Amino acid sequence: MEKELRYDFEQNRALTVNLFHPDFTTSTRLASLINAKVGDVDARMVDSSSVLVRFRNTYQGSVVGLVSVIENLMFPLTPPPLW
């Protein structure tokens, strides 16, 4: 039998965006774009595959809505190296 876990996604004050193809340039660009396009959040690159997005106390939107905005941002991707 499965049991539903209680988790209030909207109570989080931060989320981490993980890139499928880790790249320092791409994660830096994503953090900069989030900061430019979304108000009341602070995004910063954690490493080549992660961007941490923290919500300021003045953030009025929903976490789900923010995830939708982030996943629809358009920016140039850095192609993976051909090693």
Protein backbone atom coordinates (compact mmCIF):
# COMPACT_ATOMS: atom_id res chain seq x y z
CA MET A 1 0.00 0.00 0.00
CA GLU A 2 1.25 3.46 -0.88
CA LYS A 3 0.97 6.36 1.51
CA GLU A 4 0.87 9.98 0.39
CA LEU A 5 3.65 12.08 1.81
CA ARG A 6 2.59 15.44 3.17
CA TYR A 7 4.65 18.12 1.51
CA ASP A 8 3.67 21.74 1.05
CA PHE A 9 5.60 22.84 -2.02
CA GLU A 10 4.40 26.43 -1.59
CA GLN A 11 6.02 26.78 1.86
CA ASN A 12 9.54 26.47 0.45
CA ARG A 13 11.58 29.67 0.40
CA ALA A 14 14.16 28.26 -2.03
CA LEU A 15 14.52 25.76 -4.82
CA THR A 16 17.42 24.32 -6.78
CA VAL A 17 17.38 24.07 -10.56
CA ASN A 18 19.57 21.23 -11.81
CA LEU A 19 20.89 21.21 -15.36
CA PHE A 20 20.79 18.00 -17.38
CA HIS A 21 24.14 18.84 -19.01
CA PRO A 22 26.38 20.51 -16.39
CA ASP A 23 28.17 23.59 -17.67
CA PHE A 24 29.49 26.60 -15.76
CA THR A 25 28.61 29.04 -18.54
CA THR A 26 25.04 27.79 -18.81
CA SER A 27 24.42 27.81 -15.05
CA THR A 28 25.84 31.35 -14.82
CA ARG A 29 23.61 32.52 -17.68
CA LEU A 30 20.56 30.88 -16.14
CA ALA A 31 21.14 32.54 -12.75
CA SER A 32 21.58 35.94 -14.42
CA LEU A 33 18.47 35.51 -16.54
CA ILE A 34 16.33 34.46 -13.57
CA ASN A 35 17.50 37.54 -11.65
CA ALA A 36 16.70 39.77 -14.65
CA LYS A 37 13.27 38.29 -15.45
CA VAL A 38 11.81 37.41 -12.06
CA GLY A 39 11.33 39.94 -9.29
CA ASP A 40 11.86 39.28 -5.62
CA VAL A 41 14.14 36.27 -6.02
CA ASP A 42 17.90 35.84 -5.77
CA ALA A 43 19.39 33.24 -8.10
CA ARG A 44 23.02 32.18 -7.92
CA MET A 45 25.13 29.47 -9.47
CA VAL A 46 26.09 26.80 -6.95
CA ASP A 47 28.19 24.68 -9.29
CA SER A 48 28.22 23.65 -12.95
CA SER A 49 24.92 21.81 -12.65
CA SER A 50 22.94 23.74 -10.01
CA VAL A 51 21.35 27.15 -9.62
CA LEU A 52 19.90 28.06 -6.21
CA VAL A 53 16.84 30.33 -6.32
CA ARG A 54 15.86 31.94 -3.00
CA PHE A 55 12.61 33.83 -2.51
CA ARG A 56 12.73 37.18 -0.80
CA ASN A 57 10.07 37.90 1.83
CA THR A 58 8.39 40.24 -0.67
CA TYR A 59 7.88 37.47 -3.27
CA GLN A 60 4.13 37.24 -3.95
CA GLY A 61 3.99 34.56 -6.66
CA SER A 62 3.59 30.83 -6.29
CA VAL A 63 6.49 28.41 -6.36
CA VAL A 64 4.74 26.38 -9.05
CA GLY A 65 4.31 29.50 -11.18
CA LEU A 66 7.99 30.36 -10.77
CA VAL A 67 9.06 26.88 -11.86
CA SER A 68 6.91 27.31 -14.97
CA VAL A 69 8.55 30.66 -15.74
CA ILE A 70 12.05 29.24 -15.25
CA GLU A 71 11.50 26.21 -17.44
CA ASN A 72 10.27 28.46 -20.27
CA LEU A 73 13.18 30.94 -20.20
CA MET A 74 15.05 31.11 -23.49
CA PHE A 75 18.81 31.66 -23.57
CA PRO A 76 21.73 30.36 -25.64
CA LEU A 77 23.13 27.05 -24.50
CA THR A 78 26.80 26.25 -24.54
CA PRO A 79 27.38 23.10 -26.59
CA PRO A 80 29.09 20.25 -24.73
CA PRO A 81 32.81 19.86 -25.44
CA LEU A 82 33.84 17.33 -28.03
CA TRP A 83 36.60 15.55 -26.17
